[in-house]
């Protein structure tokens, strides 16, 4: 009986989830900005990514570390309300003019490691559906970076694109203009 119970626990934990990928976020006053759902006003910096998964099931995004741009590591401690992360999950589309539209889940302090001010969002996702994740702060005008672990069904994969920051878009546009100019000269 004991071997059967251990075997069932092993199978259940193996089928549940694997760490699929890890990515970093970083936002400050040069980043995209918005007023998130539940807020009436204010400037909140954020990073945005869209993604699809190849396997339907339970997926989890866990903010495992936070580092403030003032060089204080908030992973184990938060002073007042600084470096508090928040995630919003959208299905099919992200509409900056209506930030509640297509919102299917959100999390503020779900991660029970670190300082309890980091998000951990678990959501059932459908393979092939496009999802959007906005990672921001709980307080306005916070400049922080961090790491997010993505876990999903065993053997699954995720295809994710992080939207470039405005400075990166400017560099890309400048590079494209330079290439066009050089081609015209030939």
N, C-alpha and C. Protein backbone atom coordinates (compact mmCIF):
# COMPACT_ATOMS: atom_id res chain seq x y z
N UNK A 1 0.82 -1.19 0.00
CA UNK A 1 0.00 0.00 0.00
C UNK A 1 0.87 1.27 0.00
N UNK A 2 1.94 1.24 0.79
CA UNK A 2 2.83 2.39 0.87
C UNK A 2 3.49 2.66 -0.48
N UNK A 3 3.93 1.59 -1.16
CA UNK A 3 4.55 1.75 -2.47
C UNK A 3 3.56 2.31 -3.48
N UNK A 4 2.32 1.86 -3.40
CA UNK A 4 1.28 2.36 -4.30
C UNK A 4 1.04 3.85 -4.07
N UNK A 5 0.95 4.26 -2.82
CA UNK A 5 0.74 5.66 -2.49
C UNK A 5 1.91 6.52 -2.98
N UNK A 6 3.13 6.08 -2.75
CA UNK A 6 4.31 6.81 -3.22
C UNK A 6 4.31 6.88 -4.74
N UNK A 7 3.96 5.78 -5.39
CA UNK A 7 3.89 5.76 -6.85
C UNK A 7 2.85 6.72 -7.39
N UNK A 8 1.68 6.76 -6.77
CA UNK A 8 0.63 7.69 -7.20
C UNK A 8 1.05 9.14 -7.00
N UNK A 9 1.69 9.44 -5.89
CA UNK A 9 2.18 10.80 -5.66
C UNK A 9 3.23 11.19 -6.68
N UNK A 10 4.11 10.28 -7.01
CA UNK A 10 5.16 10.54 -7.99
C UNK A 10 4.55 10.79 -9.37
N UNK A 11 3.60 9.97 -9.78
CA UNK A 11 2.94 10.14 -11.07
C UNK A 11 2.17 11.45 -11.10
N UNK A 12 1.44 11.76 -10.04
CA UNK A 12 0.65 12.99 -10.00
C UNK A 12 1.55 14.22 -10.09
N UNK A 13 2.66 14.22 -9.36
CA UNK A 13 3.54 15.38 -9.42
C UNK A 13 4.25 15.48 -10.76
N UNK A 14 4.54 14.37 -11.40
CA UNK A 14 5.20 14.37 -12.70
C UNK A 14 4.25 14.88 -13.77
N UNK A 15 2.99 14.51 -13.70
CA UNK A 15 2.01 14.92 -14.70
C UNK A 15 1.61 16.38 -14.53
N UNK A 16 1.71 16.90 -13.32
CA UNK A 16 1.21 18.24 -13.05
C UNK A 16 1.98 19.32 -13.80
N UNK A 17 3.25 19.49 -13.50
CA UNK A 17 3.92 20.63 -14.10
C UNK A 17 5.43 20.49 -14.12
N UNK A 18 6.00 21.11 -15.13
CA UNK A 18 7.45 21.24 -15.27
C UNK A 18 7.76 22.73 -15.41
N UNK A 19 8.96 23.11 -15.01
CA UNK A 19 9.42 24.46 -15.31
C UNK A 19 9.67 24.51 -16.82
N UNK A 20 8.92 25.33 -17.52
CA UNK A 20 8.99 25.40 -18.98
C UNK A 20 10.03 26.42 -19.42
N UNK A 21 10.00 27.60 -18.82
CA UNK A 21 10.95 28.65 -19.17
C UNK A 21 11.04 29.67 -18.06
N UNK A 22 12.05 30.50 -18.13
CA UNK A 22 12.23 31.63 -17.21
C UNK A 22 12.53 32.85 -18.07
N UNK A 23 11.94 33.98 -17.71
CA UNK A 23 12.26 35.21 -18.42
C UNK A 23 12.36 36.36 -17.42
N UNK A 24 12.95 37.44 -17.88
CA UNK A 24 13.15 38.61 -17.03
C UNK A 24 12.27 39.75 -17.50
N UNK A 25 11.84 40.57 -16.55
CA UNK A 25 11.13 41.81 -16.87
C UNK A 25 11.92 42.96 -16.28
N UNK A 26 11.69 44.14 -16.84
CA UNK A 26 12.41 45.33 -16.39
C UNK A 26 11.62 46.54 -16.85
N UNK A 27 11.14 47.34 -15.92
CA UNK A 27 10.43 48.55 -16.33
C UNK A 27 10.83 49.74 -15.46
N UNK A 28 10.84 50.90 -16.13
CA UNK A 28 11.18 52.16 -15.48
C UNK A 28 10.50 53.29 -16.25
N UNK A 29 10.91 54.53 -15.99
CA UNK A 29 10.24 55.67 -16.60
C UNK A 29 10.35 55.72 -18.12
N UNK A 30 11.22 54.92 -18.74
CA UNK A 30 11.32 54.88 -20.20
C UNK A 30 10.45 53.76 -20.80
N UNK A 31 9.79 53.00 -19.95
CA UNK A 31 8.99 51.85 -20.40
C UNK A 31 7.58 52.28 -20.82
N UNK A 32 6.85 51.32 -21.33
CA UNK A 32 5.44 51.53 -21.60
C UNK A 32 4.74 51.93 -20.30
N UNK A 33 3.67 52.72 -20.39
CA UNK A 33 2.94 53.10 -19.18
C UNK A 33 1.44 53.02 -19.44
N UNK A 34 0.70 52.81 -18.36
CA UNK A 34 -0.75 52.66 -18.43
C UNK A 34 -1.35 52.92 -17.06
N UNK A 35 -2.67 52.89 -17.02
CA UNK A 35 -3.40 52.86 -15.76
C UNK A 35 -4.11 51.51 -15.73
N UNK A 36 -3.68 50.59 -14.86
CA UNK A 36 -4.21 49.22 -14.88
C UNK A 36 -5.64 49.12 -14.35
N UNK A 37 -6.28 47.96 -14.58
CA UNK A 37 -7.63 47.74 -14.05
C UNK A 37 -7.67 47.99 -12.54
N UNK A 38 -8.74 48.61 -12.09
CA UNK A 38 -8.90 48.88 -10.67
C UNK A 38 -8.30 50.19 -10.21
N UNK A 39 -7.58 50.87 -11.09
CA UNK A 39 -6.98 52.17 -10.75
C UNK A 39 -7.71 53.25 -11.55
N UNK A 40 -7.96 54.38 -10.91
CA UNK A 40 -8.64 55.48 -11.59
C UNK A 40 -7.69 56.38 -12.36
N UNK A 41 -6.47 56.49 -11.87
CA UNK A 41 -5.49 57.36 -12.51
C UNK A 41 -4.09 56.96 -12.07
N UNK A 42 -3.12 57.62 -12.63
CA UNK A 42 -1.73 57.37 -12.26
C UNK A 42 -0.97 56.68 -13.38
N UNK A 43 0.34 56.80 -13.30
CA UNK A 43 1.23 56.21 -14.30
C UNK A 43 1.89 54.98 -13.68
N UNK A 44 1.65 53.85 -14.32
CA UNK A 44 2.25 52.59 -13.91
C UNK A 44 3.07 52.07 -15.09
N UNK A 45 4.33 51.78 -14.86
CA UNK A 45 5.17 51.23 -15.92
C UNK A 45 4.90 49.73 -16.02
N UNK A 46 5.06 49.18 -17.23
CA UNK A 46 4.78 47.76 -17.39
C UNK A 46 5.57 47.16 -18.55
N UNK A 47 5.65 45.84 -18.54
CA UNK A 47 6.15 45.06 -19.67
C UNK A 47 4.98 44.24 -20.18
N UNK A 48 4.96 43.98 -21.47
CA UNK A 48 3.87 43.26 -22.10
C UNK A 48 4.44 42.13 -22.95
N UNK A 49 3.79 40.98 -22.90
CA UNK A 49 4.18 39.84 -23.73
C UNK A 49 2.93 39.16 -24.23
N UNK A 50 3.00 38.61 -25.43
CA UNK A 50 1.92 37.75 -25.88
C UNK A 50 2.49 36.37 -26.11
N UNK A 51 1.63 35.36 -25.95
CA UNK A 51 2.13 33.99 -26.02
C UNK A 51 1.02 33.01 -26.34
N UNK A 52 1.43 31.84 -26.81
CA UNK A 52 0.54 30.69 -26.98
C UNK A 52 1.22 29.50 -26.32
N UNK A 53 0.40 28.54 -25.92
CA UNK A 53 0.93 27.29 -25.37
C UNK A 53 0.51 26.16 -26.29
N UNK A 54 1.31 25.09 -26.30
CA UNK A 54 0.99 23.97 -27.19
C UNK A 54 0.21 22.87 -26.49
N UNK A 55 0.00 23.00 -25.18
CA UNK A 55 -0.70 21.98 -24.41
C UNK A 55 -1.70 22.66 -23.48
N UNK A 56 -2.97 22.26 -23.57
CA UNK A 56 -3.98 22.80 -22.66
C UNK A 56 -3.74 22.25 -21.26
N UNK A 57 -4.07 23.07 -20.27
CA UNK A 57 -3.92 22.63 -18.89
C UNK A 57 -3.58 23.78 -17.97
N UNK A 58 -3.14 23.44 -16.79
CA UNK A 58 -2.82 24.41 -15.75
C UNK A 58 -1.40 24.96 -15.95
N UNK A 59 -1.30 26.27 -16.04
CA UNK A 59 -0.02 26.96 -16.22
C UNK A 59 0.15 27.96 -15.08
N UNK A 60 1.39 28.17 -14.66
CA UNK A 60 1.67 29.08 -13.55
C UNK A 60 2.81 30.03 -13.90
N UNK A 61 2.61 31.31 -13.61
CA UNK A 61 3.67 32.33 -13.73
C UNK A 61 4.01 32.79 -12.32
N UNK A 62 5.27 32.59 -11.92
CA UNK A 62 5.72 32.92 -10.57
C UNK A 62 6.84 33.95 -10.62
N UNK A 63 6.61 35.09 -9.99
CA UNK A 63 7.65 36.12 -9.89
C UNK A 63 8.60 35.72 -8.76
N UNK A 64 9.75 35.14 -9.13
CA UNK A 64 10.65 34.56 -8.14
C UNK A 64 11.69 35.53 -7.59
N UNK A 65 11.88 36.67 -8.23
CA UNK A 65 12.82 37.66 -7.68
C UNK A 65 12.44 39.06 -8.12
N UNK A 66 12.79 40.04 -7.29
CA UNK A 66 12.55 41.45 -7.57
C UNK A 66 13.82 42.22 -7.24
N UNK A 67 14.17 43.15 -8.10
CA UNK A 67 15.29 44.03 -7.81
C UNK A 67 14.87 45.45 -8.20
N UNK A 68 14.89 46.34 -7.24
CA UNK A 68 14.55 47.73 -7.50
C UNK A 68 15.70 48.41 -8.23
N UNK A 69 15.39 49.40 -9.05
CA UNK A 69 16.45 50.14 -9.73
C UNK A 69 17.24 51.03 -8.79
N UNK A 70 16.79 51.13 -7.53
CA UNK A 70 17.61 51.86 -6.56
C UNK A 70 18.62 50.91 -5.90
N UNK A 71 18.81 49.72 -6.49
CA UNK A 71 19.81 48.72 -6.09
C UNK A 71 19.46 47.96 -4.81
N UNK A 72 18.25 48.09 -4.31
CA UNK A 72 17.86 47.31 -3.14
C UNK A 72 17.17 46.04 -3.62
N UNK A 73 17.59 44.89 -3.14
CA UNK A 73 17.00 43.61 -3.52
C UNK A 73 15.80 43.34 -2.63
N UNK A 74 14.60 43.45 -3.19
CA UNK A 74 13.37 43.28 -2.43
C UNK A 74 12.87 41.85 -2.38
N UNK A 75 13.64 40.90 -2.88
CA UNK A 75 13.18 39.51 -2.93
C UNK A 75 12.80 39.00 -1.55
N UNK A 76 13.56 39.32 -0.53
CA UNK A 76 13.29 38.81 0.81
C UNK A 76 12.62 39.79 1.73
N UNK A 77 12.46 41.03 1.31
CA UNK A 77 11.92 42.05 2.20
C UNK A 77 11.34 43.18 1.37
N UNK A 78 10.24 43.74 1.83
CA UNK A 78 9.67 44.89 1.15
C UNK A 78 9.49 46.01 2.17
N UNK A 79 10.01 47.16 1.86
CA UNK A 79 9.83 48.33 2.71
C UNK A 79 8.57 49.05 2.24
N UNK A 80 7.65 49.25 3.15
CA UNK A 80 6.37 49.88 2.85
C UNK A 80 5.72 49.13 1.68
N UNK A 81 5.48 49.80 0.57
CA UNK A 81 4.83 49.12 -0.55
C UNK A 81 5.72 49.09 -1.79
N UNK A 82 7.02 49.27 -1.61
CA UNK A 82 7.93 49.31 -2.76
C UNK A 82 8.14 47.94 -3.37
N UNK A 83 8.41 47.91 -4.65
CA UNK A 83 8.77 46.69 -5.39
C UNK A 83 7.74 45.58 -5.26
N UNK A 84 6.50 45.94 -5.34
CA UNK A 84 5.40 45.00 -5.25
C UNK A 84 4.88 44.75 -6.67
N UNK A 85 4.99 43.52 -7.17
CA UNK A 85 4.62 43.23 -8.56
C UNK A 85 3.18 42.76 -8.69
N UNK A 86 2.67 42.90 -9.90
CA UNK A 86 1.29 42.56 -10.23
C UNK A 86 1.29 42.02 -11.65
N UNK A 87 0.47 41.00 -11.93
CA UNK A 87 0.34 40.48 -13.29
C UNK A 87 -1.14 40.47 -13.68
N UNK A 88 -1.40 40.82 -14.94
CA UNK A 88 -2.74 40.77 -15.52
C UNK A 88 -2.67 39.85 -16.74
N UNK A 89 -3.64 38.96 -16.88
CA UNK A 89 -3.67 38.01 -17.99
C UNK A 89 -4.91 38.25 -18.84
N UNK A 90 -4.69 38.40 -20.14
CA UNK A 90 -5.76 38.67 -21.11
C UNK A 90 -5.83 37.54 -22.12
N UNK A 91 -7.05 37.29 -22.61
CA UNK A 91 -7.25 36.26 -23.63
C UNK A 91 -7.60 36.91 -24.95
N UNK A 92 -6.94 36.49 -26.01
CA UNK A 92 -7.15 36.91 -27.40
C UNK A 92 -6.56 38.27 -27.75
N UNK A 93 -6.76 39.29 -26.92
CA UNK A 93 -6.24 40.62 -27.26
C UNK A 93 -6.06 41.46 -26.01
N UNK A 94 -5.14 42.39 -26.10
CA UNK A 94 -4.90 43.38 -25.05
C UNK A 94 -5.28 44.73 -25.63
N UNK A 95 -6.22 45.43 -24.99
CA UNK A 95 -6.72 46.70 -25.48
C UNK A 95 -6.40 47.79 -24.46
N UNK A 96 -5.43 48.62 -24.76
CA UNK A 96 -4.99 49.66 -23.84
C UNK A 96 -6.09 50.69 -23.59
N UNK A 97 -7.06 50.82 -24.51
CA UNK A 97 -8.15 51.77 -24.32
C UNK A 97 -9.25 51.22 -23.42
N UNK A 98 -9.25 49.92 -23.18
CA UNK A 98 -10.22 49.28 -22.28
C UNK A 98 -9.50 48.13 -21.56
N UNK A 99 -8.80 48.45 -20.48
CA UNK A 99 -7.91 47.48 -19.83
C UNK A 99 -8.64 46.36 -19.10
N UNK A 100 -9.97 46.46 -19.00
CA UNK A 100 -10.74 45.36 -18.39
C UNK A 100 -11.24 44.37 -19.45
N UNK A 101 -11.24 44.80 -20.71
CA UNK A 101 -11.70 43.95 -21.80
C UNK A 101 -10.75 42.76 -21.96
N UNK A 102 -11.30 41.57 -22.04
CA UNK A 102 -10.55 40.32 -22.23
C UNK A 102 -9.70 39.91 -21.03
N UNK A 103 -9.80 40.63 -19.91
CA UNK A 103 -9.05 40.27 -18.70
C UNK A 103 -9.65 39.00 -18.11
N UNK A 104 -8.82 37.96 -17.96
CA UNK A 104 -9.34 36.69 -17.44
C UNK A 104 -8.77 36.34 -16.06
N UNK A 105 -7.66 36.95 -15.68
CA UNK A 105 -7.08 36.66 -14.37
C UNK A 105 -6.07 37.73 -14.00
N UNK A 106 -5.82 37.85 -12.71
CA UNK A 106 -4.81 38.78 -12.20
C UNK A 106 -4.31 38.26 -10.86
N UNK A 107 -3.11 38.69 -10.50
CA UNK A 107 -2.59 38.31 -9.19
C UNK A 107 -1.62 39.37 -8.70
N UNK A 108 -1.67 39.59 -7.41
CA UNK A 108 -0.80 40.56 -6.77
C UNK A 108 0.23 39.87 -5.88
N UNK A 109 -0.20 39.21 -4.85
CA UNK A 109 0.71 38.68 -3.84
C UNK A 109 0.61 37.18 -3.65
N UNK A 110 0.38 36.43 -4.71
CA UNK A 110 0.15 34.99 -4.60
C UNK A 110 1.36 34.14 -4.28
N UNK A 111 2.57 34.64 -4.53
CA UNK A 111 3.78 33.86 -4.31
C UNK A 111 4.08 33.79 -2.82
N UNK A 112 4.19 32.59 -2.28
CA UNK A 112 4.42 32.46 -0.84
C UNK A 112 5.89 32.37 -0.46
N UNK A 113 6.77 32.54 -1.42
CA UNK A 113 8.20 32.63 -1.13
C UNK A 113 8.60 34.08 -1.14
N UNK A 114 9.86 34.35 -0.98
CA UNK A 114 10.31 35.74 -1.05
C UNK A 114 9.68 36.60 0.00
N UNK A 115 9.06 37.70 -0.40
CA UNK A 115 8.56 38.68 0.55
C UNK A 115 7.04 38.77 0.61
N UNK A 116 6.33 37.88 -0.03
CA UNK A 116 4.86 37.88 -0.14
C UNK A 116 4.32 39.10 -0.89
N UNK A 117 5.15 39.80 -1.62
CA UNK A 117 4.71 40.90 -2.45
C UNK A 117 4.92 40.60 -3.93
N UNK A 118 5.13 39.34 -4.24
CA UNK A 118 5.37 38.93 -5.61
C UNK A 118 4.19 38.09 -6.10
N UNK A 119 3.90 38.19 -7.40
CA UNK A 119 2.75 37.47 -7.94
C UNK A 119 3.06 36.00 -8.21
N UNK A 120 2.00 35.22 -8.15
CA UNK A 120 2.01 33.84 -8.64
C UNK A 120 0.61 33.56 -9.15
N UNK A 121 0.49 33.44 -10.45
CA UNK A 121 -0.81 33.27 -11.09
C UNK A 121 -0.89 31.90 -11.73
N UNK A 122 -1.90 31.13 -11.35
CA UNK A 122 -2.16 29.83 -11.98
C UNK A 122 -3.47 29.93 -12.73
N UNK A 123 -3.45 29.49 -14.00
CA UNK A 123 -4.64 29.61 -14.84
C UNK A 123 -4.67 28.45 -15.82
N UNK A 124 -5.86 27.92 -16.07
CA UNK A 124 -6.02 26.92 -17.13
C UNK A 124 -5.99 27.64 -18.47
N UNK A 125 -5.07 27.22 -19.34
CA UNK A 125 -4.92 27.82 -20.66
C UNK A 125 -5.26 26.79 -21.73
N UNK A 126 -5.70 27.28 -22.88
CA UNK A 126 -6.11 26.43 -24.00
C UNK A 126 -5.05 26.51 -25.09
N UNK A 127 -4.60 25.37 -25.56
CA UNK A 127 -3.58 25.32 -26.61
C UNK A 127 -4.04 26.10 -27.84
N UNK A 128 -3.11 26.88 -28.43
CA UNK A 128 -3.39 27.61 -29.65
C UNK A 128 -4.06 28.96 -29.45
N UNK A 129 -4.52 29.27 -28.26
CA UNK A 129 -5.14 30.56 -27.97
C UNK A 129 -4.04 31.57 -27.67
N UNK A 130 -4.21 32.80 -28.16
CA UNK A 130 -3.23 33.84 -27.86
C UNK A 130 -3.61 34.51 -26.54
N UNK A 131 -2.62 34.61 -25.67
CA UNK A 131 -2.79 35.27 -24.37
C UNK A 131 -1.81 36.44 -24.29
N UNK A 132 -2.16 37.42 -23.50
CA UNK A 132 -1.32 38.59 -23.26
C UNK A 132 -1.10 38.71 -21.76
N UNK A 133 0.13 38.98 -21.35
CA UNK A 133 0.45 39.18 -19.93
C UNK A 133 1.06 40.57 -19.76
N UNK A 134 0.48 41.35 -18.87
CA UNK A 134 1.03 42.65 -18.51
C UNK A 134 1.59 42.54 -17.10
N UNK A 135 2.89 42.78 -16.97
CA UNK A 135 3.54 42.74 -15.66
C UNK A 135 3.83 44.18 -15.26
N UNK A 136 3.37 44.55 -14.08
CA UNK A 136 3.49 45.92 -13.62
C UNK A 136 3.75 45.92 -12.12
N UNK A 137 3.62 47.07 -11.51
CA UNK A 137 3.82 47.19 -10.07
C UNK A 137 2.50 47.53 -9.39
N UNK A 138 2.45 47.28 -8.11
CA UNK A 138 1.25 47.60 -7.33
C UNK A 138 1.16 49.11 -7.11
N UNK A 139 2.29 49.73 -6.92
CA UNK A 139 2.33 51.18 -6.70
C UNK A 139 2.73 51.88 -7.99
N UNK A 140 2.25 53.10 -8.18
CA UNK A 140 2.57 53.83 -9.39
C UNK A 140 4.03 54.27 -9.43
N UNK A 141 4.53 54.41 -10.65
CA UNK A 141 5.86 54.90 -10.96
C UNK A 141 7.00 54.12 -10.29
N UNK A 142 6.82 52.82 -10.09
CA UNK A 142 7.88 51.97 -9.55
C UNK A 142 8.79 51.52 -10.69
N UNK A 143 10.09 51.54 -10.46
CA UNK A 143 11.08 51.09 -11.43
C UNK A 143 11.76 49.85 -10.88
N UNK A 144 11.41 48.69 -11.42
CA UNK A 144 11.94 47.43 -10.90
C UNK A 144 12.18 46.42 -12.01
N UNK A 145 12.96 45.42 -11.70
CA UNK A 145 13.17 44.30 -12.61
C UNK A 145 12.99 43.02 -11.80
N UNK A 146 12.89 41.91 -12.51
CA UNK A 146 12.72 40.65 -11.80
C UNK A 146 12.72 39.47 -12.75
N UNK A 147 12.48 38.32 -12.18
CA UNK A 147 12.48 37.06 -12.91
C UNK A 147 11.14 36.37 -12.73
N UNK A 148 10.66 35.75 -13.80
CA UNK A 148 9.40 35.01 -13.76
C UNK A 148 9.66 33.59 -14.25
N UNK A 149 9.24 32.61 -13.47
CA UNK A 149 9.29 31.20 -13.87
C UNK A 149 7.93 30.82 -14.42
N UNK A 150 7.91 30.15 -15.57
CA UNK A 150 6.67 29.65 -16.17
C UNK A 150 6.67 28.14 -16.06
N UNK A 151 5.64 27.60 -15.41
CA UNK A 151 5.48 26.15 -15.28
C UNK A 151 4.21 25.73 -15.98
N UNK A 152 4.24 24.54 -16.58
CA UNK A 152 3.07 24.04 -17.28
C UNK A 152 3.09 22.53 -17.31
N UNK A 153 2.16 21.94 -18.05
CA UNK A 153 2.08 20.48 -18.13
C UNK A 153 3.40 19.88 -18.62
N UNK A 154 3.72 18.72 -18.12
CA UNK A 154 4.95 18.03 -18.49
C UNK A 154 5.06 17.88 -20.00
N UNK A 155 6.21 18.27 -20.54
CA UNK A 155 6.47 18.13 -21.97
C UNK A 155 5.92 19.27 -22.82
N UNK A 156 5.25 20.23 -22.20
CA UNK A 156 4.64 21.33 -22.94
C UNK A 156 5.69 22.38 -23.30
N UNK A 157 5.30 23.26 -24.21
CA UNK A 157 6.17 24.39 -24.54
C UNK A 157 5.33 25.65 -24.71
N UNK A 158 6.01 26.78 -24.65
CA UNK A 158 5.34 28.07 -24.78
C UNK A 158 6.08 28.87 -25.85
N UNK A 159 5.33 29.58 -26.66
CA UNK A 159 5.90 30.48 -27.66
C UNK A 159 5.57 31.89 -27.21
N UNK A 160 6.57 32.65 -26.77
CA UNK A 160 6.34 33.95 -26.16
C UNK A 160 7.14 35.03 -26.87
N UNK A 161 6.50 36.20 -27.05
CA UNK A 161 7.16 37.37 -27.61
C UNK A 161 6.97 38.52 -26.63
N UNK A 162 8.07 39.08 -26.16
CA UNK A 162 8.01 40.23 -25.27
C UNK A 162 8.05 41.48 -26.13
N UNK A 163 7.06 42.35 -25.94
CA UNK A 163 6.95 43.57 -26.73
C UNK A 163 8.14 44.47 -26.38
N UNK A 164 8.86 44.96 -27.40
CA UNK A 164 10.02 45.80 -27.10
C UNK A 164 9.62 47.10 -26.43
N UNK A 165 10.54 47.62 -25.66
CA UNK A 165 10.33 48.89 -24.99
C UNK A 165 10.41 50.01 -26.03
N UNK A 166 9.85 51.18 -25.73
CA UNK A 166 9.86 52.29 -26.69
C UNK A 166 11.25 52.62 -27.21
N UNK A 167 12.26 52.58 -26.36
CA UNK A 167 13.63 52.88 -26.82
C UNK A 167 14.09 51.86 -27.85
N UNK A 168 13.73 50.60 -27.64
CA UNK A 168 14.11 49.55 -28.59
C UNK A 168 13.39 49.74 -29.92
N UNK A 169 12.13 50.15 -29.86
CA UNK A 169 11.38 50.40 -31.09
C UNK A 169 12.05 51.54 -31.86
N UNK A 170 12.46 52.59 -31.16
CA UNK A 170 13.15 53.70 -31.81
C UNK A 170 14.44 53.26 -32.48
N UNK A 171 15.20 52.42 -31.81
CA UNK A 171 16.43 51.90 -32.39
C UNK A 171 16.14 51.05 -33.63
N UNK A 172 15.11 50.23 -33.56
CA UNK A 172 14.74 49.40 -34.71
C UNK A 172 14.32 50.26 -35.89
N UNK A 173 13.51 51.28 -35.62
CA UNK A 173 13.05 52.16 -36.69
C UNK A 173 14.23 52.94 -37.29
N UNK A 174 15.13 53.41 -36.44
CA UNK A 174 16.31 54.12 -36.92
C UNK A 174 17.19 53.22 -37.77
N UNK A 175 17.36 51.98 -37.35
CA UNK A 175 18.14 51.02 -38.12
C UNK A 175 17.51 50.72 -39.46
N UNK A 176 16.18 50.58 -39.48
CA UNK A 176 15.48 50.32 -40.73
C UNK A 176 15.61 51.51 -41.68
N UNK A 177 15.50 52.73 -41.14
CA UNK A 177 15.65 53.93 -41.97
C UNK A 177 17.06 54.01 -42.56
N UNK A 178 18.06 53.67 -41.76
CA UNK A 178 19.44 53.68 -42.24
C UNK A 178 19.64 52.67 -43.37
N UNK A 179 19.08 51.49 -43.23
CA UNK A 179 19.19 50.46 -44.27
C UNK A 179 18.53 50.94 -45.56
N UNK A 180 17.34 51.54 -45.45
CA UNK A 180 16.66 52.06 -46.64
C UNK A 180 17.48 53.17 -47.31
N UNK A 181 18.06 54.04 -46.51
CA UNK A 181 18.88 55.12 -47.04
C UNK A 181 20.10 54.56 -47.78
N UNK A 182 20.75 53.58 -47.19
CA UNK A 182 21.92 52.97 -47.83
C UNK A 182 21.54 52.25 -49.12
N UNK A 183 20.39 51.61 -49.14
CA UNK A 183 19.93 50.93 -50.36
C UNK A 183 19.63 51.93 -51.47
N UNK A 184 19.07 53.08 -51.10
CA UNK A 184 18.74 54.11 -52.08
C UNK A 184 19.99 54.67 -52.74
N UNK A 185 21.06 54.74 -52.00
CA UNK A 185 22.32 55.29 -52.52
C UNK A 185 22.94 54.38 -53.56
N UNK A 186 22.65 53.10 -53.53
CA UNK A 186 23.25 52.15 -54.48
C UNK A 186 22.65 52.30 -55.80
